[in-house]
Protein backbone atom coordinates (compact mmCIF):
# COMPACT_ATOMS: atom_id res chain seq x y z
CA MET A 1 24.30 164.27 21.07
CA GLY A 2 24.08 160.87 19.48
CA MET A 3 22.47 158.60 21.85
CA GLN A 4 23.89 154.76 22.60
CA ARG A 5 22.86 151.89 19.88
CA LEU A 6 21.31 149.29 21.72
CA SER A 7 24.34 146.39 21.40
CA LYS A 8 24.04 142.93 20.62
CA THR A 9 24.63 142.27 24.69
CA TYR A 10 21.84 143.88 25.33
CA PHE A 11 19.12 141.71 23.36
CA LYS A 12 21.26 138.52 24.95
CA SER A 13 21.14 139.70 28.60
CA SER A 14 17.77 138.72 29.46
CA ASP A 15 14.44 137.25 28.34
CA ALA A 16 11.50 138.42 26.08
CA LEU A 17 9.38 139.36 29.62
CA PHE A 18 12.24 141.56 30.73
CA LEU A 19 13.04 142.97 27.76
CA ALA A 20 9.46 143.61 26.37
CA GLN A 21 9.01 145.76 29.98
CA ASP A 22 12.81 147.51 29.56
CA LEU A 23 12.75 148.46 26.10
CA LEU A 24 9.81 150.92 26.20
CA GLY A 25 10.91 154.50 26.22
CA LYS A 26 13.91 153.55 23.96
CA THR A 27 14.15 155.20 20.52
CA LEU A 28 13.60 153.03 17.61
CA VAL A 29 15.33 154.56 14.62
CA ARG A 30 14.77 154.13 10.93
CA ASN A 31 16.81 155.46 8.15
CA PHE A 32 15.30 155.34 4.53
CA LYS A 33 16.82 155.25 1.02
CA ASN A 34 15.45 158.58 0.02
CA GLY A 35 18.53 160.24 3.49
CA GLN A 36 15.58 160.33 5.93
CA THR A 37 15.64 159.72 9.33
CA LEU A 38 12.78 158.65 11.77
CA ARG A 39 12.57 158.94 15.52
CA SER A 40 10.37 157.54 17.82
CA LYS A 41 10.44 156.09 21.41
CA ILE A 42 8.32 152.41 22.04
CA THR A 43 5.69 152.79 24.05
CA GLU A 44 3.76 149.57 23.52
CA THR A 45 5.10 146.03 23.75
CA GLU A 46 4.44 142.31 24.40
CA ALA A 47 6.98 139.42 25.24
CA TYR A 48 6.57 135.45 23.72
CA LEU A 49 8.68 133.35 25.71
CA GLY A 50 9.75 129.96 24.56
CA VAL A 51 7.73 127.02 22.74
CA GLU A 52 5.50 126.25 25.65
CA ASP A 53 3.77 129.52 24.86
CA LYS A 54 0.94 129.03 22.58
CA ALA A 55 0.80 132.38 21.26
CA ASN A 56 4.45 132.17 20.35
CA HIS A 57 5.09 131.12 16.41
CA ALA A 58 7.74 128.82 17.26
CA SER A 59 5.45 126.75 19.67
CA LYS A 60 4.72 124.49 16.88
CA GLY A 61 8.26 123.50 16.38
CA ARG A 62 10.82 124.91 14.10
CA THR A 63 9.98 126.06 10.11
CA LYS A 64 11.55 128.15 7.67
CA ARG A 65 9.59 131.37 9.04
CA THR A 66 10.53 130.60 13.29
CA GLU A 67 13.90 129.32 12.11
CA LEU A 68 15.20 132.99 12.95
CA MET A 69 13.90 132.97 16.56
CA PHE A 70 16.00 129.75 17.28
CA GLY A 71 18.86 131.81 16.77
CA GLU A 72 21.09 134.40 18.05
CA ALA A 73 19.46 137.78 19.76
CA GLY A 74 19.11 140.97 18.21
CA LEU A 75 18.11 140.28 15.15
CA VAL A 76 14.77 141.72 13.46
CA TYR A 77 12.16 139.21 13.08
CA VAL A 78 9.25 140.57 10.77
CA TYR A 79 6.62 138.67 9.54
CA LEU A 80 3.10 139.38 7.03
CA ILE A 81 -0.44 139.40 8.61
CA TYR A 82 -3.54 139.54 6.50
CA GLY A 83 -1.25 140.14 3.30
CA ARG A 84 -0.32 143.41 3.62
CA TYR A 85 1.49 144.09 7.00
CA TRP A 86 4.76 143.01 8.55
CA LEU A 87 5.13 143.44 11.79
CA LEU A 88 8.79 144.17 14.15
CA ASN A 89 9.70 141.82 16.45
CA ILE A 90 13.32 141.01 18.22
CA VAL A 91 14.45 138.51 19.02
CA THR A 92 15.78 138.12 22.14
CA GLY A 93 17.67 135.77 24.61
CA LYS A 94 19.64 132.36 24.66
CA PRO A 95 19.91 131.03 21.43
CA GLU A 96 17.67 127.41 20.80
CA ILE A 97 15.09 128.98 23.77
CA PRO A 98 12.83 130.64 20.99
CA GLN A 99 11.71 134.43 22.32
CA ALA A 100 10.88 137.55 20.96
CA VAL A 101 9.54 141.35 21.66
CA LEU A 102 6.94 142.26 19.17
CA ILE A 103 7.04 146.27 19.13
CA ARG A 104 2.90 147.24 19.31
CA GLY A 105 3.33 151.37 20.13
CA LEU A 106 5.48 154.36 18.95
CA GLU A 107 4.84 157.78 20.31
CA ILE A 108 3.67 159.04 16.31
CA VAL A 109 1.95 155.46 15.97
CA ASN A 110 -0.17 152.70 17.48
CA GLY A 111 -0.63 149.32 16.06
CA PRO A 112 1.87 146.67 15.13
CA GLY A 113 0.71 146.52 11.22
CA ARG A 114 0.64 150.87 11.46
CA ILE A 115 4.25 150.89 12.55
CA GLY A 116 4.93 148.43 9.80
CA ASN A 117 3.56 150.67 7.60
CA LEU A 118 5.26 153.64 8.82
CA LEU A 119 8.41 151.68 9.19
CA GLU A 120 8.28 150.62 5.26
CA LEU A 121 9.26 147.25 6.35
CA ASP A 122 9.26 143.88 4.30
CA GLN A 123 10.76 140.58 3.98
CA SER A 124 14.36 142.46 3.57
CA PHE A 125 14.32 143.00 7.33
CA TYR A 126 13.92 139.27 8.38
CA GLY A 127 17.38 138.54 10.05
CA GLU A 128 18.40 142.63 10.22
CA ASP A 129 21.23 142.88 13.14
CA LEU A 130 20.08 145.53 15.13
CA SER A 131 23.67 146.71 16.39
CA LEU A 132 24.54 146.68 12.96
CA SER A 133 22.26 147.48 10.78
CA GLU A 134 22.15 151.58 8.90
CA ARG A 135 18.79 150.72 7.97
CA ILE A 136 16.64 149.97 11.50
CA TRP A 137 18.18 150.13 14.86
CA ILE A 138 17.29 151.44 18.77
CA GLU A 139 18.93 153.61 20.98
CA ASP A 140 19.22 153.68 25.09
CA SER A 141 17.10 156.79 26.16
CA GLU A 142 15.54 157.48 29.35
CA LEU A 143 12.42 155.63 30.75
CA GLU A 144 9.85 158.90 31.41
CA GLY A 145 6.63 157.39 32.79
CA GLU A 146 5.15 154.33 34.28
CA ILE A 147 4.63 150.88 32.50
CA ILE A 148 1.59 149.26 32.71
CA SER A 149 0.96 145.40 31.71
CA ALA A 150 -2.22 144.28 30.46
CA PRO A 151 -3.50 140.79 28.53
CA ARG A 152 -1.70 140.67 24.59
CA VAL A 153 -3.84 140.87 21.75
CA GLY A 154 -4.66 139.04 18.56
CA VAL A 155 -3.95 135.60 20.56
CA ASP A 156 -7.29 133.92 21.12
CA TYR A 157 -5.71 130.60 19.32
CA ALA A 158 -3.78 130.54 22.04
CA GLY A 159 -6.32 129.63 24.74
CA ASP A 160 -7.22 131.29 27.49
CA GLU A 161 -4.02 130.47 29.80
CA TRP A 162 -1.89 132.08 26.69
CA LYS A 163 -3.81 134.86 25.54
CA ASN A 164 -4.65 135.81 29.21
CA LYS A 165 -0.72 136.43 30.35
CA PRO A 166 -0.07 140.38 30.87
CA TRP A 167 2.60 140.19 29.18
CA ARG A 168 1.79 143.15 26.85
CA PHE A 169 3.41 145.88 28.44
CA ILE A 170 2.43 150.31 27.76
CA LEU A 171 4.20 153.26 28.49
CA LYS A 172 1.78 155.62 30.28
CA PRO A 173 3.52 159.38 30.64
CA ILE A 174 3.57 161.20 33.86
CA GLU A 175 0.83 163.24 33.73
CA GLU A 176 1.56 166.79 34.33
């Protein structure tokens, strides 16, 4: 039985703070060129909310890199860190209010850089529409576990107020 792909309406429906929590337990699907398909549940996310959020790339204004975040929800926002890791983010909410959810963990791998490597992400994913893509999408699935929140990781440059926001969400499995 195939699961329901999340639509563009889903990503438009709320802000990154809500969707970062709601995406936990959903299934990320990646079709590779060789015909193989990877499916794994999302276990950790981070929210980046508007230009006032100093940890958000868009806090410095519109640039070639951040332009996508000011647009349509449901698009993939990838960027390169350390010259070798492509990080997977999903644009959410309403146009002109730049926000995104960073995918930090999957059932099979933790860490946004490792996820980028596993999914073989590159610049070509920038702007990919999750509602139409044949390469990558997210399917609805049941949430199993408890959501805990913690401060975001790797955003010390944003200052204490923004780095300490509890906008990282982790799916803690139900203990047997």
